[in-house]
Amino acid sequence: MEQTPAANTPAPDGLSKFLWWLAAADINILKDCRADHERYRILGISVGVTWLFATLAWGYFFSTIVDDDVVIGGLAVFFGFAILSIDRSLITAMSGSGRRKFLPAAFRLLLAFTIGLFVSQPIVLLLFQKDIQAQMVLNRQGKLERFRAELNTLNEDRTTTLQKDLQQWQQQLQQKEAQVKAYKDDYIKETDGTGGSGKIGESSIARVKKTAYLKADEELTALRNSLGPQQQERQTQLSGLWQENVAKEKVYVASLTNGFLAQTEALEELTVEHAALRNRYRLIVLIITLIEIMPLLSKLLLPKGEYDRLLESNNMYLGYRKNNVV
C-alpha cells in the first residue's frame, strides 16, 4: 500500500522542514498532506518553544554553580537538546494506534509534567531574582548568627572555666589592692596628725602602720608575680579559642554561596511569608509547566488528520510485509 505524491504539491521550504522535524513528523508523508502542514508547523513551534525554555533554564541553572561561560553554554545546549529529544520521542510515541494509545499517554503526560516542573524552577528564580537576592542576605545573616551560637555552645564549658579563673584571680588582686590602700591611708593619717594618736610625724604607732602597709604591698607584688603568668596563660587560651572561632567562621562564610540551593531556599521562605508572591509563583510554575507539556497535549487532544491516517496505514502495511516475509 504505497502512497502516490499529490500532483502539483509545492516542495516545503527549509523552515517548514525544520518545524516538521521538531514535531517528529515524517516529512515524506506530511509533504503530501497539505491540510496538515500548518498544524504540524504549529506543533513544531510549540516544541521549539519548550526547547528554548529548557535551554534557558539549564543555562541559568549551571550559571549558579559554574563561572565559565563556555561551559555554561555547552551544558545548556546539551541538556536543552536532551529535553528536545525526550519531547520528540514522546510525540512520536503518541502516533501509535488507538488501541494502545491511552494507557501510555498517562505516563508520558506525567513524565512531561515532571520535566516541566523542573524546567520551571530556574526560570522562576530568574524572574524573582531581586527579591531572592534580598532574602538571601537575610538568610546568610541568620545562618551566620546560628553558627556563632553553635560555636559558643561548643566552647561554653572551656570558656566559662577560663573566665572563672581570671575573674577569681582578679578579685584576689582587687581585695589585696584595697587592703594595701587601707594600710597606706592609715599610715598617712598617723603621720599628718589625723589618725588615732593625733600625733604628727613618725610616731611609734605610725611606724607600726607603715610596717603593715609595706608588708601588704610586698604581698601584693608577690601575688601579682604569682598570678601574672597564670593570667597570661588563660588570656592566651581565650585568645586561641577566639581565633579558632574566627577561622571557622571564615570557612563557614565561604561556604555560603549564592548557588541554586541557596536561591531555592530563599524563594521557599518568600513564598511562605508572602501570600501574593506565593500565588504568583504557583501561577508561573503552572504556565511554564503547561508550555512544556503543550506539544504532548496538542498531539493528544487534536483530532487525527490526513497525515495520521496515512502514517497509521503505512505502519500497518510495513508491519504486514514484515510478518509475511518468508
Protein backbone atom coordinates (compact mmCIF):
# COMPACT_ATOMS: atom_id res chain seq x y z
CA MET A 1 0.00 0.00 0.00
CA GLU A 2 2.28 2.76 -1.27
CA GLN A 3 1.48 6.45 -1.35
CA THR A 4 1.43 8.44 -4.59
CA PRO A 5 2.56 12.05 -4.30
CA ALA A 6 -0.17 14.53 -4.93
CA ALA A 7 0.08 16.41 -8.21
CA ASN A 8 1.37 19.97 -8.21
CA THR A 9 2.31 19.83 -4.50
CA PRO A 10 4.94 22.55 -3.88
CA ALA A 11 8.13 21.45 -2.14
CA PRO A 12 8.21 22.52 1.53
CA ASP A 13 10.64 25.29 2.43
CA GLY A 14 13.54 24.83 4.85
CA LEU A 15 11.72 26.40 7.80
CA SER A 16 8.73 24.11 7.35
CA LYS A 17 11.00 21.06 7.19
CA PHE A 18 12.72 22.16 10.39
CA LEU A 19 9.42 22.72 12.20
CA TRP A 20 8.12 19.36 10.99
CA TRP A 21 11.30 17.75 12.25
CA LEU A 22 10.72 19.37 15.63
CA ALA A 23 7.19 17.94 15.55
CA ALA A 24 8.66 14.46 14.91
CA ALA A 25 6.71 14.20 11.66
CA ASP A 26 7.62 12.03 8.67
CA ILE A 27 8.36 14.69 6.05
CA ASN A 28 7.95 12.26 3.14
CA ILE A 29 4.36 11.57 4.19
CA LEU A 30 3.46 15.01 5.54
CA LYS A 31 4.52 16.93 2.43
CA ASP A 32 1.61 15.34 0.51
CA CYS A 33 -0.94 16.18 3.27
CA ARG A 34 -1.44 19.89 2.64
CA ALA A 35 -4.28 20.14 5.18
CA ASP A 36 -1.88 19.14 7.96
CA HIS A 37 1.04 21.36 7.00
CA GLU A 38 0.05 24.28 9.22
CA ARG A 39 -0.96 22.06 12.13
CA TYR A 40 2.46 20.41 12.26
CA ARG A 41 4.21 23.74 11.80
CA ILE A 42 2.37 24.98 14.89
CA LEU A 43 3.22 21.77 16.73
CA GLY A 44 6.87 22.25 15.74
CA ILE A 45 6.78 25.82 17.04
CA SER A 46 5.44 24.59 20.39
CA VAL A 47 8.25 22.04 20.59
CA GLY A 48 10.76 24.75 19.68
CA VAL A 49 9.43 26.97 22.46
CA THR A 50 9.87 24.18 25.02
CA TRP A 51 13.37 23.60 23.63
CA LEU A 52 14.19 27.29 24.10
CA PHE A 53 12.73 27.33 27.62
CA ALA A 54 14.69 24.22 28.58
CA THR A 55 17.94 25.63 27.21
CA LEU A 56 17.49 28.91 29.07
CA ALA A 57 16.52 27.11 32.27
CA TRP A 58 19.53 24.78 32.14
CA GLY A 59 21.78 27.73 31.28
CA TYR A 60 20.66 29.69 34.32
CA PHE A 61 20.88 26.57 36.49
CA PHE A 62 24.51 25.95 35.54
CA SER A 63 25.34 29.66 35.88
CA THR A 64 24.67 29.31 39.62
CA ILE A 65 27.35 26.62 40.00
CA VAL A 66 29.86 27.31 37.16
CA ASP A 67 31.69 30.54 36.30
CA ASP A 68 32.91 29.62 32.80
CA ASP A 69 30.51 30.98 30.15
CA VAL A 70 31.72 28.47 27.56
CA VAL A 71 30.99 25.55 29.89
CA ILE A 72 27.62 27.04 30.82
CA GLY A 73 26.67 27.48 27.16
CA GLY A 74 27.78 23.96 26.24
CA LEU A 75 25.90 22.34 29.10
CA ALA A 76 22.79 24.44 28.42
CA VAL A 77 22.75 23.43 24.74
CA PHE A 78 23.38 19.77 25.57
CA PHE A 79 20.69 19.42 28.21
CA GLY A 80 18.28 21.57 26.21
CA PHE A 81 18.75 19.19 23.28
CA ALA A 82 18.19 16.28 25.66
CA ILE A 83 14.81 17.75 26.65
CA LEU A 84 14.04 18.28 22.96
CA SER A 85 14.85 14.64 22.23
CA ILE A 86 12.57 13.49 25.04
CA ASP A 87 9.74 15.69 23.76
CA ARG A 88 10.12 14.38 20.20
CA SER A 89 10.22 10.80 21.49
CA LEU A 90 7.02 11.35 23.46
CA ILE A 91 5.26 12.90 20.46
CA THR A 92 6.43 10.07 18.22
CA ALA A 93 5.11 7.52 20.71
CA MET A 94 1.73 9.30 20.69
CA SER A 95 1.39 8.46 17.00
CA GLY A 96 0.57 4.82 17.78
CA SER A 97 -2.73 3.14 17.08
CA GLY A 98 -5.79 3.98 19.14
CA ARG A 99 -5.79 0.55 20.74
CA ARG A 100 -2.55 1.15 22.62
CA LYS A 101 -2.55 4.96 22.88
CA PHE A 102 -4.33 5.93 26.08
CA LEU A 103 -2.59 3.91 28.79
CA PRO A 104 0.92 5.06 27.82
CA ALA A 105 -0.41 8.61 27.41
CA ALA A 106 -0.88 8.98 31.17
CA PHE A 107 2.74 8.02 31.82
CA ARG A 108 4.00 10.32 29.07
CA LEU A 109 1.97 13.22 30.41
CA LEU A 110 3.31 12.56 33.91
CA LEU A 111 6.86 12.49 32.58
CA ALA A 112 6.35 15.71 30.63
CA PHE A 113 4.73 17.34 33.68
CA THR A 114 7.70 16.33 35.86
CA ILE A 115 10.15 17.75 33.34
CA GLY A 116 8.08 20.92 33.17
CA LEU A 117 8.20 21.37 36.94
CA PHE A 118 11.97 21.02 36.97
CA VAL A 119 12.48 23.32 33.99
CA SER A 120 10.22 25.95 35.54
CA GLN A 121 12.27 26.25 38.74
CA PRO A 122 15.32 28.06 37.30
CA ILE A 123 13.08 30.36 35.27
CA VAL A 124 11.09 31.29 38.37
CA LEU A 125 14.35 32.01 40.21
CA LEU A 126 15.38 34.28 37.37
CA LEU A 127 12.07 36.16 37.38
CA PHE A 128 12.16 36.79 41.16
CA GLN A 129 15.93 37.42 41.27
CA LYS A 130 15.82 40.80 43.07
CA ASP A 131 13.55 39.56 45.86
CA ILE A 132 15.58 36.37 46.18
CA GLN A 133 18.87 38.28 46.45
CA ALA A 134 17.44 40.44 49.26
CA GLN A 135 16.15 37.36 51.09
CA MET A 136 19.49 35.58 50.72
CA VAL A 137 21.23 38.44 52.55
CA LEU A 138 18.87 37.90 55.48
CA ASN A 139 19.34 34.14 55.28
CA ARG A 140 23.12 34.46 55.30
CA GLN A 141 22.99 36.69 58.36
CA GLY A 142 20.64 34.32 60.15
CA LYS A 143 22.82 31.30 59.31
CA LEU A 144 25.92 33.14 60.49
CA GLU A 145 24.29 34.06 63.80
CA ARG A 146 23.19 30.47 64.35
CA PHE A 147 26.68 29.24 63.51
CA ARG A 148 28.20 31.65 66.03
CA ALA A 149 25.73 30.47 68.65
CA GLU A 150 26.71 26.86 67.95
CA LEU A 151 30.40 27.73 68.31
CA ASN A 152 29.72 29.49 71.61
CA THR A 153 27.78 26.48 72.86
CA LEU A 154 30.56 24.14 71.75
CA ASN A 155 33.22 26.15 73.63
CA GLU A 156 30.99 27.22 76.50
CA ASP A 157 32.45 24.90 79.17
CA ARG A 158 36.06 25.70 78.31
CA THR A 159 35.42 29.44 78.00
CA THR A 160 33.48 29.54 81.28
CA THR A 161 36.32 27.78 83.14
CA LEU A 162 38.95 30.16 81.79
CA GLN A 163 36.86 33.25 82.51
CA LYS A 164 36.04 31.99 86.01
CA ASP A 165 39.75 31.58 86.80
CA LEU A 166 40.52 35.06 85.51
CA GLN A 167 37.65 36.58 87.45
CA GLN A 168 38.68 34.82 90.67
CA TRP A 169 42.28 35.96 90.37
CA GLN A 170 41.21 39.48 89.53
CA GLN A 171 39.06 39.56 92.67
CA GLN A 172 42.04 38.41 94.76
CA LEU A 173 44.17 41.19 93.34
CA GLN A 174 41.46 43.78 93.89
CA GLN A 175 41.00 42.69 97.51
CA LYS A 176 44.74 42.86 98.14
CA GLU A 177 44.99 46.26 96.45
CA ALA A 178 42.14 47.52 98.63
CA GLN A 179 43.95 46.21 101.71
CA VAL A 180 47.21 47.91 100.73
CA LYS A 181 45.37 51.16 100.08
CA ALA A 182 43.69 50.97 103.51
CA TYR A 183 47.04 50.37 105.26
CA LYS A 184 48.61 53.21 103.32
CA ASP A 185 45.78 55.60 104.20
CA ASP A 186 46.06 54.67 107.91
CA TYR A 187 49.82 55.29 107.82
CA ILE A 188 49.40 58.69 106.13
CA LYS A 189 46.75 59.72 108.66
CA GLU A 190 49.09 58.83 111.54
CA THR A 191 51.87 60.97 110.08
CA ASP A 192 49.72 64.04 109.43
CA GLY A 193 48.01 64.02 112.82
CA THR A 194 44.57 62.96 111.61
CA GLY A 195 44.99 59.39 112.86
CA GLY A 196 44.00 57.81 116.14
CA SER A 197 47.10 59.02 118.05
CA GLY A 198 46.73 62.60 116.91
CA LYS A 199 50.49 62.98 116.61
CA ILE A 200 52.29 64.43 113.63
CA GLY A 201 55.34 62.63 112.22
CA GLU A 202 56.80 59.16 112.61
CA SER A 203 55.35 58.09 115.92
CA SER A 204 55.56 54.54 117.17
CA ILE A 205 52.03 53.87 116.01
CA ALA A 206 52.81 55.37 112.60
CA ARG A 207 55.86 53.10 112.24
CA VAL A 208 53.73 50.07 113.07
CA LYS A 209 51.19 51.04 110.43
CA LYS A 210 53.98 51.73 107.96
CA THR A 211 55.35 48.25 108.57
CA ALA A 212 51.88 46.76 107.99
CA TYR A 213 51.50 48.82 104.80
CA LEU A 214 54.88 47.81 103.41
CA LYS A 215 54.26 44.15 104.22
CA ALA A 216 50.87 44.25 102.48
CA ASP A 217 52.47 45.97 99.49
CA GLU A 218 55.12 43.24 99.29
CA GLU A 219 52.39 40.61 99.45
CA LEU A 220 50.53 42.40 96.63
CA THR A 221 53.69 42.41 94.50
CA ALA A 222 54.26 38.71 95.21
CA LEU A 223 50.63 37.94 94.38
CA ARG A 224 50.91 39.81 91.08
CA ASN A 225 54.10 37.97 90.21
CA SER A 226 52.42 34.68 91.09
CA LEU A 227 49.15 35.25 89.27
CA GLY A 228 50.59 37.14 86.29
CA PRO A 229 51.83 34.10 84.31
CA GLN A 230 48.63 32.20 85.06
CA GLN A 231 46.50 35.13 83.92
CA GLN A 232 48.59 35.44 80.77
CA GLU A 233 48.17 31.73 80.08
CA ARG A 234 44.39 31.92 80.48
CA GLN A 235 44.23 35.03 78.28
CA THR A 236 46.27 33.23 75.61
CA GLN A 237 43.90 30.26 75.72
CA LEU A 238 40.88 32.55 75.41
CA SER A 239 42.53 34.36 72.51
CA GLY A 240 43.27 31.00 70.87
CA LEU A 241 39.63 29.96 71.17
CA TRP A 242 38.55 33.27 69.68
CA GLN A 243 40.96 32.91 66.75
CA GLU A 244 39.74 29.36 66.15
CA ASN A 245 36.17 30.62 66.05
CA VAL A 246 37.15 33.39 63.62
CA ALA A 247 38.87 30.87 61.35
CA LYS A 248 35.88 28.51 61.46
CA GLU A 249 33.56 31.44 60.76
CA LYS A 250 35.58 32.43 57.70
CA VAL A 251 35.39 28.88 56.34
CA TYR A 252 31.65 28.77 57.01
CA VAL A 253 31.05 32.17 55.36
CA ALA A 254 32.97 30.99 52.30
CA SER A 255 30.61 28.02 52.05
CA LEU A 256 27.54 30.31 51.98
CA THR A 257 27.31 30.69 48.22
CA ASN A 258 24.56 32.22 46.10
CA GLY A 259 24.03 28.96 44.26
CA PHE A 260 20.90 27.19 43.13
CA LEU A 261 20.16 25.65 46.53
CA ALA A 262 20.52 28.95 48.39
CA GLN A 263 18.23 30.68 45.90
CA THR A 264 15.67 27.90 46.16
CA GLU A 265 15.67 28.16 49.96
CA ALA A 266 15.23 31.92 49.75
CA LEU A 267 12.34 31.52 47.30
CA GLU A 268 10.63 28.98 49.57
CA GLU A 269 10.89 31.36 52.53
CA LEU A 270 9.49 34.21 50.45
CA THR A 271 6.54 32.10 49.32
CA VAL A 272 5.83 31.11 52.92
CA GLU A 273 5.94 34.68 54.21
CA HIS A 274 4.19 36.46 51.32
CA ALA A 275 0.86 35.10 50.08
CA ALA A 276 0.83 37.36 46.99
CA LEU A 277 4.23 36.08 45.90
CA ARG A 278 3.18 32.50 46.63
CA ASN A 279 0.16 32.78 44.34
CA ARG A 280 2.19 34.30 41.52
CA TYR A 281 4.88 31.68 41.98
CA ARG A 282 2.34 28.89 41.60
CA LEU A 283 0.80 30.58 38.55
CA ILE A 284 4.18 30.99 36.83
CA VAL A 285 5.15 27.37 37.57
CA LEU A 286 1.82 26.25 36.14
CA ILE A 287 2.23 28.33 32.97
CA ILE A 288 5.80 27.14 32.35
CA THR A 289 4.80 23.54 33.03
CA LEU A 290 1.91 23.87 30.58
CA ILE A 291 4.34 25.20 27.99
CA GLU A 292 6.46 22.08 28.48
CA ILE A 293 3.54 19.67 28.08
CA MET A 294 1.82 21.76 25.39
CA PRO A 295 3.22 19.75 22.43
CA LEU A 296 2.14 16.48 24.01
CA LEU A 297 -1.29 17.84 24.85
CA SER A 298 -1.67 19.16 21.31
CA LYS A 299 -0.78 15.78 19.87
CA LEU A 300 -3.12 14.03 22.28
CA LEU A 301 -6.16 16.32 22.03
CA LEU A 302 -6.17 17.31 18.40
CA PRO A 303 -8.23 15.00 16.17
CA LYS A 304 -6.45 12.81 13.69
CA GLY A 305 -5.82 14.33 10.28
CA GLU A 306 -4.90 13.01 6.91
CA TYR A 307 -1.25 12.64 7.92
CA ASP A 308 -2.10 10.49 10.94
CA ARG A 309 -4.30 8.20 8.85
CA LEU A 310 -1.62 7.83 6.18
CA LEU A 311 1.06 7.21 8.81
CA GLU A 312 -1.09 4.59 10.53
CA SER A 313 -1.85 2.91 7.21
CA ASN A 314 1.82 2.97 6.27
CA ASN A 315 2.79 1.42 9.62
CA MET A 316 0.17 -1.29 9.22
CA TYR A 317 1.43 -2.00 5.67
CA LEU A 318 5.04 -2.21 6.83
CA GLY A 319 4.01 -4.48 9.69
CA TYR A 320 2.06 -6.71 7.30
CA ARG A 321 5.04 -7.03 4.95
CA LYS A 322 7.35 -7.80 7.87
CA ASN A 323 5.06 -10.52 9.22
CA ASN A 324 4.64 -12.13 5.82
CA VAL A 325 8.26 -12.22 4.74
CA VAL A 326 9.25 -15.81 4.04
